[in-house]
Amino acid sequence: MKISNIIFIISFILDGILTNYLPYMISDLSLFTPLLSITSLILIYPLLKKDKKKFYIYAFIAGIIYDLFYTNLLFFNGFAFLFLAFLITKIYQLFGSGYIKILFNILIIIIAYELLTVLILILFNLVPVTLNKVFYKITHSILLNLIYGEIVYFILTKIPKKYLKVPLN
């Protein structure tokens, strides 16, 4: 199985496990809101960057699967992940890859996803949103995802080149 698939499957499963065991509602004391599937998109981009069309398809399908298992908004995350995939490719073109750059990419993409979600909530008036709630959600999403990104990036750097087939840097 390809490494990119393994990373996404593990991230997807951890998203489900962590959302069941970590409190993540407003007024809870948790500092962790998992968006590991989105973080995995950032981490697998260097593995798929030679075929951007495949990466976009991968992101869209990952978003649809995320919707089917974790939300009731069919196709919302499919298109959100597709938008994030486009943003990821542009950020990688501007900044490249490397340890610090990957962490910076995670920071930007998590903020973009949270702001996109808030924009949709405001646009369709689904849930009342305040600036405090937006700031809370962004700050509590970043910490866990940066830690996860660091761990997976470290593991990817330890995988022999014959299995990885592309350089991470």
N, C-alpha and C. Protein backbone atom coordinates (compact mmCIF):
# COMPACT_ATOMS: atom_id res chain seq x y z
N MET A 1 0.84 -1.17 0.00
CA MET A 1 0.00 0.00 0.00
C MET A 1 0.89 1.24 0.00
N LYS A 2 0.49 2.23 -0.73
CA LYS A 2 1.30 3.43 -0.82
C LYS A 2 1.36 4.14 0.52
N ILE A 3 2.48 4.79 0.75
CA ILE A 3 2.69 5.49 2.01
C ILE A 3 1.66 6.60 2.21
N SER A 4 1.29 7.28 1.12
CA SER A 4 0.29 8.35 1.25
C SER A 4 -1.05 7.79 1.73
N ASN A 5 -1.44 6.62 1.26
CA ASN A 5 -2.69 6.00 1.71
C ASN A 5 -2.61 5.62 3.19
N ILE A 6 -1.48 5.08 3.59
CA ILE A 6 -1.29 4.68 4.99
C ILE A 6 -1.38 5.89 5.91
N ILE A 7 -0.73 6.98 5.52
CA ILE A 7 -0.77 8.20 6.34
C ILE A 7 -2.19 8.71 6.46
N PHE A 8 -2.92 8.74 5.35
CA PHE A 8 -4.29 9.25 5.42
C PHE A 8 -5.19 8.34 6.25
N ILE A 9 -5.08 7.05 6.08
CA ILE A 9 -5.92 6.12 6.84
C ILE A 9 -5.67 6.25 8.33
N ILE A 10 -4.41 6.31 8.72
CA ILE A 10 -4.08 6.48 10.14
C ILE A 10 -4.62 7.81 10.66
N SER A 11 -4.46 8.88 9.88
CA SER A 11 -4.96 10.19 10.29
C SER A 11 -6.48 10.18 10.43
N PHE A 12 -7.13 9.54 9.49
CA PHE A 12 -8.59 9.45 9.47
C PHE A 12 -9.09 8.71 10.71
N ILE A 13 -8.47 7.60 11.03
CA ILE A 13 -8.87 6.81 12.20
C ILE A 13 -8.59 7.58 13.48
N LEU A 14 -7.43 8.23 13.55
CA LEU A 14 -7.11 9.03 14.74
C LEU A 14 -8.07 10.20 14.91
N ASP A 15 -8.52 10.80 13.81
CA ASP A 15 -9.53 11.85 13.90
C ASP A 15 -10.78 11.33 14.61
N GLY A 16 -11.23 10.16 14.24
CA GLY A 16 -12.42 9.58 14.86
C GLY A 16 -12.20 9.24 16.32
N ILE A 17 -11.06 8.65 16.62
CA ILE A 17 -10.78 8.26 18.01
C ILE A 17 -10.65 9.50 18.90
N LEU A 18 -9.88 10.47 18.44
CA LEU A 18 -9.63 11.65 19.27
C LEU A 18 -10.88 12.51 19.46
N THR A 19 -11.74 12.60 18.45
CA THR A 19 -12.95 13.40 18.64
C THR A 19 -13.91 12.74 19.62
N ASN A 20 -13.79 11.43 19.80
CA ASN A 20 -14.63 10.76 20.79
C ASN A 20 -14.09 10.89 22.21
N TYR A 21 -12.78 11.06 22.36
CA TYR A 21 -12.18 11.07 23.69
C TYR A 21 -11.69 12.42 24.16
N LEU A 22 -11.54 13.38 23.27
CA LEU A 22 -11.13 14.72 23.68
C LEU A 22 -12.33 15.65 23.63
N PRO A 23 -12.57 16.38 24.70
CA PRO A 23 -13.66 17.36 24.64
C PRO A 23 -13.25 18.49 23.71
N TYR A 24 -14.11 18.88 22.81
CA TYR A 24 -13.72 19.93 21.86
C TYR A 24 -14.79 20.97 21.67
N MET A 25 -15.73 21.03 22.54
CA MET A 25 -16.77 22.03 22.44
C MET A 25 -16.31 23.32 23.12
N ILE A 26 -16.93 24.41 22.77
CA ILE A 26 -16.64 25.68 23.42
C ILE A 26 -16.95 25.53 24.91
N SER A 27 -16.14 26.05 25.73
CA SER A 27 -16.20 26.02 27.19
C SER A 27 -15.58 24.75 27.76
N ASP A 28 -15.14 23.81 26.94
CA ASP A 28 -14.37 22.69 27.45
C ASP A 28 -12.93 23.14 27.64
N LEU A 29 -12.19 22.41 28.43
CA LEU A 29 -10.83 22.81 28.74
C LEU A 29 -9.78 22.20 27.82
N SER A 30 -10.20 21.49 26.79
CA SER A 30 -9.26 20.83 25.89
C SER A 30 -8.51 21.84 25.04
N LEU A 31 -7.22 21.59 24.87
CA LEU A 31 -6.41 22.42 23.97
C LEU A 31 -6.26 21.74 22.61
N PHE A 32 -6.96 20.64 22.41
CA PHE A 32 -6.76 19.84 21.22
C PHE A 32 -8.05 19.65 20.43
N THR A 33 -8.04 20.08 19.19
CA THR A 33 -9.12 19.78 18.26
C THR A 33 -8.47 19.11 17.05
N PRO A 34 -8.74 17.83 16.83
CA PRO A 34 -8.06 17.14 15.74
C PRO A 34 -8.61 17.48 14.36
N LEU A 35 -7.72 17.81 13.48
CA LEU A 35 -7.98 17.94 12.04
C LEU A 35 -6.85 17.21 11.33
N LEU A 36 -6.61 16.00 11.77
CA LEU A 36 -5.43 15.25 11.32
C LEU A 36 -5.54 14.85 9.85
N SER A 37 -6.74 14.68 9.34
CA SER A 37 -6.89 14.34 7.93
C SER A 37 -6.41 15.48 7.05
N ILE A 38 -6.68 16.71 7.49
CA ILE A 38 -6.19 17.88 6.74
C ILE A 38 -4.68 17.98 6.85
N THR A 39 -4.15 17.73 8.04
CA THR A 39 -2.70 17.73 8.23
C THR A 39 -2.04 16.68 7.35
N SER A 40 -2.70 15.53 7.20
CA SER A 40 -2.12 14.48 6.36
C SER A 40 -2.05 14.91 4.89
N LEU A 41 -3.01 15.72 4.43
CA LEU A 41 -2.95 16.22 3.05
C LEU A 41 -1.68 17.05 2.84
N ILE A 42 -1.34 17.85 3.82
CA ILE A 42 -0.13 18.67 3.73
C ILE A 42 1.11 17.78 3.68
N LEU A 43 1.11 16.74 4.49
CA LEU A 43 2.28 15.88 4.59
C LEU A 43 2.45 14.96 3.38
N ILE A 44 1.35 14.60 2.71
CA ILE A 44 1.49 13.69 1.57
C ILE A 44 1.68 14.44 0.25
N TYR A 45 1.51 15.75 0.26
CA TYR A 45 1.69 16.48 -1.00
C TYR A 45 3.06 16.24 -1.64
N PRO A 46 4.17 16.28 -0.88
CA PRO A 46 5.46 16.01 -1.54
C PRO A 46 5.52 14.63 -2.20
N LEU A 47 4.75 13.68 -1.70
CA LEU A 47 4.74 12.34 -2.28
C LEU A 47 3.95 12.29 -3.59
N LEU A 48 3.02 13.24 -3.77
CA LEU A 48 2.15 13.23 -4.95
C LEU A 48 2.32 14.47 -5.82
N LYS A 49 3.33 15.29 -5.56
CA LYS A 49 3.40 16.57 -6.26
C LYS A 49 3.72 16.45 -7.75
N LYS A 50 4.22 15.32 -8.20
CA LYS A 50 4.48 15.15 -9.63
C LYS A 50 3.19 15.01 -10.43
N ASP A 51 2.14 14.57 -9.77
CA ASP A 51 0.84 14.40 -10.43
C ASP A 51 -0.20 15.17 -9.62
N LYS A 52 -0.33 16.47 -9.91
CA LYS A 52 -1.23 17.33 -9.15
C LYS A 52 -2.69 16.93 -9.34
N LYS A 53 -3.04 16.46 -10.53
CA LYS A 53 -4.42 16.03 -10.77
C LYS A 53 -4.79 14.89 -9.83
N LYS A 54 -3.87 13.96 -9.65
CA LYS A 54 -4.11 12.84 -8.74
C LYS A 54 -4.24 13.35 -7.30
N PHE A 55 -3.44 14.33 -6.92
CA PHE A 55 -3.53 14.91 -5.58
C PHE A 55 -4.88 15.58 -5.36
N TYR A 56 -5.38 16.30 -6.36
CA TYR A 56 -6.68 16.96 -6.23
C TYR A 56 -7.80 15.94 -6.11
N ILE A 57 -7.74 14.89 -6.91
CA ILE A 57 -8.74 13.82 -6.83
C ILE A 57 -8.68 13.15 -5.47
N TYR A 58 -7.46 12.89 -5.02
CA TYR A 58 -7.24 12.28 -3.71
C TYR A 58 -7.85 13.14 -2.60
N ALA A 59 -7.61 14.45 -2.66
CA ALA A 59 -8.14 15.37 -1.66
C ALA A 59 -9.66 15.40 -1.68
N PHE A 60 -10.26 15.44 -2.86
CA PHE A 60 -11.72 15.48 -2.97
C PHE A 60 -12.34 14.20 -2.40
N ILE A 61 -11.79 13.06 -2.77
CA ILE A 61 -12.31 11.78 -2.26
C ILE A 61 -12.12 11.69 -0.75
N ALA A 62 -10.97 12.16 -0.26
CA ALA A 62 -10.72 12.17 1.19
C ALA A 62 -11.76 13.03 1.90
N GLY A 63 -12.10 14.17 1.33
CA GLY A 63 -13.13 15.04 1.91
C GLY A 63 -14.50 14.40 1.91
N ILE A 64 -14.84 13.70 0.85
CA ILE A 64 -16.13 12.99 0.78
C ILE A 64 -16.18 11.90 1.85
N ILE A 65 -15.10 11.15 1.99
CA ILE A 65 -15.05 10.11 3.02
C ILE A 65 -15.15 10.72 4.41
N TYR A 66 -14.46 11.84 4.61
CA TYR A 66 -14.54 12.57 5.88
C TYR A 66 -15.99 12.99 6.16
N ASP A 67 -16.67 13.48 5.13
CA ASP A 67 -18.08 13.85 5.28
C ASP A 67 -18.95 12.66 5.65
N LEU A 68 -18.75 11.56 4.98
CA LEU A 68 -19.58 10.38 5.22
C LEU A 68 -19.45 9.85 6.65
N PHE A 69 -18.25 9.93 7.21
CA PHE A 69 -18.02 9.36 8.53
C PHE A 69 -18.19 10.36 9.67
N TYR A 70 -17.84 11.62 9.46
CA TYR A 70 -17.75 12.54 10.59
C TYR A 70 -18.69 13.74 10.54
N THR A 71 -19.28 14.05 9.43
CA THR A 71 -20.19 15.21 9.39
C THR A 71 -21.46 14.82 8.65
N ASN A 72 -22.43 15.68 8.69
CA ASN A 72 -23.68 15.46 7.95
C ASN A 72 -23.77 16.38 6.75
N LEU A 73 -22.71 17.00 6.39
CA LEU A 73 -22.69 17.95 5.27
C LEU A 73 -22.06 17.30 4.05
N LEU A 74 -22.83 16.52 3.34
CA LEU A 74 -22.30 15.79 2.19
C LEU A 74 -21.75 16.76 1.15
N PHE A 75 -20.56 16.52 0.70
CA PHE A 75 -19.81 17.28 -0.30
C PHE A 75 -19.17 18.56 0.23
N PHE A 76 -19.54 19.03 1.42
CA PHE A 76 -18.91 20.25 1.93
C PHE A 76 -17.41 20.04 2.10
N ASN A 77 -17.02 19.01 2.84
CA ASN A 77 -15.60 18.77 3.05
C ASN A 77 -14.93 18.27 1.79
N GLY A 78 -15.66 17.65 0.89
CA GLY A 78 -15.08 17.28 -0.40
C GLY A 78 -14.56 18.51 -1.12
N PHE A 79 -15.41 19.54 -1.20
CA PHE A 79 -14.98 20.77 -1.86
C PHE A 79 -14.01 21.57 -1.00
N ALA A 80 -14.17 21.51 0.33
CA ALA A 80 -13.24 22.20 1.21
C ALA A 80 -11.84 21.59 1.10
N PHE A 81 -11.75 20.27 1.09
CA PHE A 81 -10.46 19.60 0.95
C PHE A 81 -9.86 19.89 -0.43
N LEU A 82 -10.70 19.96 -1.45
CA LEU A 82 -10.22 20.29 -2.79
C LEU A 82 -9.65 21.71 -2.81
N PHE A 83 -10.33 22.65 -2.19
CA PHE A 83 -9.82 24.02 -2.08
C PHE A 83 -8.51 24.05 -1.30
N LEU A 84 -8.45 23.29 -0.21
CA LEU A 84 -7.23 23.24 0.59
C LEU A 84 -6.08 22.60 -0.20
N ALA A 85 -6.40 21.60 -1.02
CA ALA A 85 -5.37 20.98 -1.86
C ALA A 85 -4.79 22.00 -2.84
N PHE A 86 -5.65 22.82 -3.41
CA PHE A 86 -5.19 23.88 -4.30
C PHE A 86 -4.31 24.86 -3.53
N LEU A 87 -4.74 25.23 -2.33
CA LEU A 87 -3.97 26.14 -1.49
C LEU A 87 -2.63 25.52 -1.09
N ILE A 88 -2.64 24.23 -0.79
CA ILE A 88 -1.40 23.52 -0.43
C ILE A 88 -0.41 23.56 -1.58
N THR A 89 -0.87 23.32 -2.80
CA THR A 89 0.05 23.34 -3.95
C THR A 89 0.64 24.73 -4.14
N LYS A 90 -0.16 25.76 -3.96
CA LYS A 90 0.34 27.14 -4.11
C LYS A 90 1.35 27.49 -3.01
N ILE A 91 1.06 27.06 -1.79
CA ILE A 91 1.98 27.35 -0.68
C ILE A 91 3.30 26.63 -0.88
N TYR A 92 3.25 25.37 -1.33
CA TYR A 92 4.48 24.63 -1.59
C TYR A 92 5.28 25.27 -2.73
N GLN A 93 4.60 25.81 -3.72
CA GLN A 93 5.31 26.48 -4.81
C GLN A 93 6.00 27.74 -4.31
N LEU A 94 5.37 28.45 -3.39
CA LEU A 94 5.96 29.68 -2.86
C LEU A 94 7.08 29.41 -1.86
N PHE A 95 6.86 28.47 -0.95
CA PHE A 95 7.80 28.29 0.16
C PHE A 95 8.64 27.02 0.08
N GLY A 96 8.22 26.03 -0.69
CA GLY A 96 8.95 24.78 -0.76
C GLY A 96 8.62 23.89 0.43
N SER A 97 9.47 22.91 0.66
CA SER A 97 9.23 22.00 1.78
C SER A 97 10.47 21.92 2.66
N GLY A 98 10.30 21.46 3.83
CA GLY A 98 11.32 21.37 4.86
C GLY A 98 10.61 21.35 6.19
N TYR A 99 11.32 21.07 7.24
CA TYR A 99 10.71 20.89 8.55
C TYR A 99 9.91 22.13 8.99
N ILE A 100 10.55 23.28 9.05
CA ILE A 100 9.88 24.50 9.51
C ILE A 100 8.80 24.92 8.51
N LYS A 101 9.06 24.74 7.24
CA LYS A 101 8.09 25.13 6.21
C LYS A 101 6.83 24.26 6.28
N ILE A 102 7.00 22.99 6.60
CA ILE A 102 5.84 22.09 6.76
C ILE A 102 4.98 22.57 7.93
N LEU A 103 5.62 22.92 9.03
CA LEU A 103 4.87 23.41 10.19
C LEU A 103 4.14 24.71 9.86
N PHE A 104 4.80 25.59 9.12
CA PHE A 104 4.18 26.83 8.67
C PHE A 104 2.98 26.53 7.76
N ASN A 105 3.14 25.56 6.86
CA ASN A 105 2.05 25.15 5.97
C ASN A 105 0.86 24.63 6.76
N ILE A 106 1.13 23.82 7.78
CA ILE A 106 0.05 23.29 8.63
C ILE A 106 -0.69 24.45 9.29
N LEU A 107 0.05 25.39 9.80
CA LEU A 107 -0.55 26.56 10.45
C LEU A 107 -1.48 27.31 9.49
N ILE A 108 -1.01 27.58 8.30
CA ILE A 108 -1.81 28.32 7.31
C ILE A 108 -3.05 27.53 6.89
N ILE A 109 -2.88 26.26 6.62
CA ILE A 109 -3.99 25.44 6.12
C ILE A 109 -5.06 25.23 7.20
N ILE A 110 -4.66 25.02 8.44
CA ILE A 110 -5.63 24.86 9.52
C ILE A 110 -6.44 26.15 9.69
N ILE A 111 -5.76 27.29 9.67
CA ILE A 111 -6.46 28.57 9.77
C ILE A 111 -7.41 28.75 8.57
N ALA A 112 -6.94 28.41 7.38
CA ALA A 112 -7.79 28.54 6.18
C ALA A 112 -9.02 27.65 6.29
N TYR A 113 -8.86 26.42 6.76
CA TYR A 113 -10.00 25.51 6.89
C TYR A 113 -11.01 26.05 7.91
N GLU A 114 -10.51 26.49 9.04
CA GLU A 114 -11.41 27.01 10.08
C GLU A 114 -12.15 28.26 9.59
N LEU A 115 -11.45 29.14 8.88
CA LEU A 115 -12.10 30.35 8.36
C LEU A 115 -13.11 30.01 7.26
N LEU A 116 -12.79 29.03 6.43
CA LEU A 116 -13.73 28.58 5.40
C LEU A 116 -15.00 28.01 6.04
N THR A 117 -14.82 27.22 7.08
CA THR A 117 -15.97 26.65 7.79
C THR A 117 -16.83 27.75 8.41
N VAL A 118 -16.18 28.72 9.03
CA VAL A 118 -16.91 29.83 9.63
C VAL A 118 -17.63 30.64 8.57
N LEU A 119 -16.98 30.85 7.44
CA LEU A 119 -17.61 31.60 6.36
C LEU A 119 -18.89 30.92 5.88
N ILE A 120 -18.85 29.61 5.74
CA ILE A 120 -20.03 28.86 5.32
C ILE A 120 -21.11 28.93 6.40
N LEU A 121 -20.72 28.82 7.67
CA LEU A 121 -21.70 28.92 8.75
C LEU A 121 -22.38 30.28 8.77
N ILE A 122 -21.60 31.33 8.54
CA ILE A 122 -22.16 32.68 8.51
C ILE A 122 -23.03 32.87 7.27
N LEU A 123 -22.54 32.39 6.13
CA LEU A 123 -23.24 32.57 4.87
C LEU A 123 -24.63 31.94 4.89
N PHE A 124 -24.71 30.74 5.43
CA PHE A 124 -25.99 30.03 5.46
C PHE A 124 -26.71 30.16 6.81
N ASN A 125 -26.17 30.94 7.71
CA ASN A 125 -26.76 31.21 9.01
C ASN A 125 -27.13 29.92 9.73
N LEU A 126 -26.19 28.97 9.75
CA LEU A 126 -26.44 27.68 10.37
C LEU A 126 -26.30 27.72 11.88
N VAL A 127 -25.26 28.39 12.35
CA VAL A 127 -24.96 28.47 13.77
C VAL A 127 -24.49 29.89 14.07
N PRO A 128 -24.92 30.46 15.17
CA PRO A 128 -24.40 31.80 15.49
C PRO A 128 -22.89 31.72 15.78
N VAL A 129 -22.15 32.60 15.16
CA VAL A 129 -20.69 32.58 15.28
C VAL A 129 -20.23 33.94 15.80
N THR A 130 -19.34 33.89 16.79
CA THR A 130 -18.73 35.11 17.29
C THR A 130 -17.23 35.06 17.03
N LEU A 131 -16.61 36.20 17.12
CA LEU A 131 -15.16 36.27 16.92
C LEU A 131 -14.42 35.46 17.97
N ASN A 132 -14.93 35.45 19.20
CA ASN A 132 -14.31 34.65 20.27
C ASN A 132 -14.33 33.16 19.93
N LYS A 133 -15.46 32.68 19.41
CA LYS A 133 -15.57 31.26 19.05
C LYS A 133 -14.62 30.91 17.91
N VAL A 134 -14.49 31.80 16.96
CA VAL A 134 -13.58 31.56 15.82
C VAL A 134 -12.14 31.49 16.32
N PHE A 135 -11.75 32.44 17.14
CA PHE A 135 -10.39 32.47 17.67
C PHE A 135 -10.12 31.23 18.52
N TYR A 136 -11.08 30.85 19.36
CA TYR A 136 -10.96 29.66 20.20
C TYR A 136 -10.74 28.42 19.34
N LYS A 137 -11.56 28.27 18.32
CA LYS A 137 -11.47 27.08 17.46
C LYS A 137 -10.14 27.01 16.73
N ILE A 138 -9.67 28.14 16.22
CA ILE A 138 -8.39 28.15 15.50
C ILE A 138 -7.24 27.82 16.44
N THR A 139 -7.19 28.48 17.58
CA THR A 139 -6.07 28.24 18.49
C THR A 139 -6.05 26.82 19.03
N HIS A 140 -7.22 26.24 19.22
CA HIS A 140 -7.27 24.88 19.75
C HIS A 140 -7.11 23.81 18.67
N SER A 141 -7.20 24.21 17.43
CA SER A 141 -6.97 23.27 16.33
C SER A 141 -5.48 23.17 16.00
N ILE A 142 -4.75 24.23 16.22
CA ILE A 142 -3.37 24.30 15.76
C ILE A 142 -2.42 23.40 16.55
N LEU A 143 -2.54 23.39 17.87
CA LEU A 143 -1.56 22.70 18.71
C LEU A 143 -1.45 21.21 18.39
N LEU A 144 -2.55 20.50 18.45
CA LEU A 144 -2.52 19.06 18.20
C LEU A 144 -2.05 18.74 16.77
N ASN A 145 -2.49 19.53 15.81
CA ASN A 145 -2.13 19.27 14.42
C ASN A 145 -0.65 19.54 14.14
N LEU A 146 -0.08 20.54 14.80
CA LEU A 146 1.36 20.78 14.66
C LEU A 146 2.16 19.63 15.27
N ILE A 147 1.74 19.15 16.42
CA ILE A 147 2.42 18.01 17.06
C ILE A 147 2.33 16.78 16.16
N TYR A 148 1.16 16.50 15.65
CA TYR A 148 0.97 15.36 14.76
C TYR A 148 1.81 15.51 13.49
N GLY A 149 1.81 16.71 12.93
CA GLY A 149 2.61 16.97 11.73
C GLY A 149 4.10 16.73 11.97
N GLU A 150 4.59 17.15 13.14
CA GLU A 150 6.00 16.92 13.48
C GLU A 150 6.31 15.43 13.58
N ILE A 151 5.43 14.70 14.23
CA ILE A 151 5.66 13.25 14.42
C ILE A 151 5.66 12.53 13.08
N VAL A 152 4.68 12.80 12.24
CA VAL A 152 4.59 12.11 10.94
C VAL A 152 5.76 12.53 10.04
N TYR A 153 6.14 13.80 10.06
CA TYR A 153 7.27 14.25 9.25
C TYR A 153 8.55 13.55 9.70
N PHE A 154 8.74 13.42 11.01
CA PHE A 154 9.91 12.71 11.53
C PHE A 154 9.92 11.26 11.08
N ILE A 155 8.76 10.61 11.12
CA ILE A 155 8.66 9.22 10.67
C ILE A 155 8.97 9.13 9.18
N LEU A 156 8.44 10.06 8.39
CA LEU A 156 8.69 10.04 6.94
C LEU A 156 10.17 10.22 6.61
N THR A 157 10.87 11.02 7.41
CA THR A 157 12.30 11.20 7.14
C THR A 157 13.10 9.95 7.46
N LYS A 158 12.56 9.07 8.29
CA LYS A 158 13.25 7.83 8.66
C LYS A 158 12.94 6.66 7.72
N ILE A 159 11.99 6.82 6.83
CA ILE A 159 11.65 5.76 5.88
C ILE A 159 12.75 5.71 4.81
N PRO A 160 13.24 4.51 4.50
CA PRO A 160 14.29 4.40 3.46
C PRO A 160 13.82 4.97 2.11
N LYS A 161 14.75 5.55 1.38
CA LYS A 161 14.45 6.22 0.11
C LYS A 161 13.82 5.27 -0.91
N LYS A 162 14.16 3.98 -0.86
CA LYS A 162 13.61 3.05 -1.86
C LYS A 162 12.10 2.85 -1.67
N TYR A 163 11.57 3.08 -0.47
CA TYR A 163 10.14 2.98 -0.24
C TYR A 163 9.43 4.31 -0.44
N LEU A 164 10.11 5.39 -0.13
CA LEU A 164 9.52 6.71 -0.24
C LEU A 164 9.49 7.18 -1.69
N LYS A 165 10.51 6.90 -2.44
CA LYS A 165 10.63 7.15 -3.89
C LYS A 165 10.70 8.63 -4.29
N VAL A 166 10.41 9.55 -3.38
CA VAL A 166 10.55 10.99 -3.66
C VAL A 166 11.17 11.66 -2.44
N PRO A 167 11.99 12.66 -2.65
CA PRO A 167 12.55 13.37 -1.49
C PRO A 167 11.50 14.28 -0.86
N LEU A 168 11.56 14.40 0.45
CA LEU A 168 10.63 15.28 1.16
C LEU A 168 11.05 16.74 1.04
N ASN A 169 12.31 16.99 0.83
CA ASN A 169 12.81 18.38 0.74
C ASN A 169 12.99 18.81 -0.69
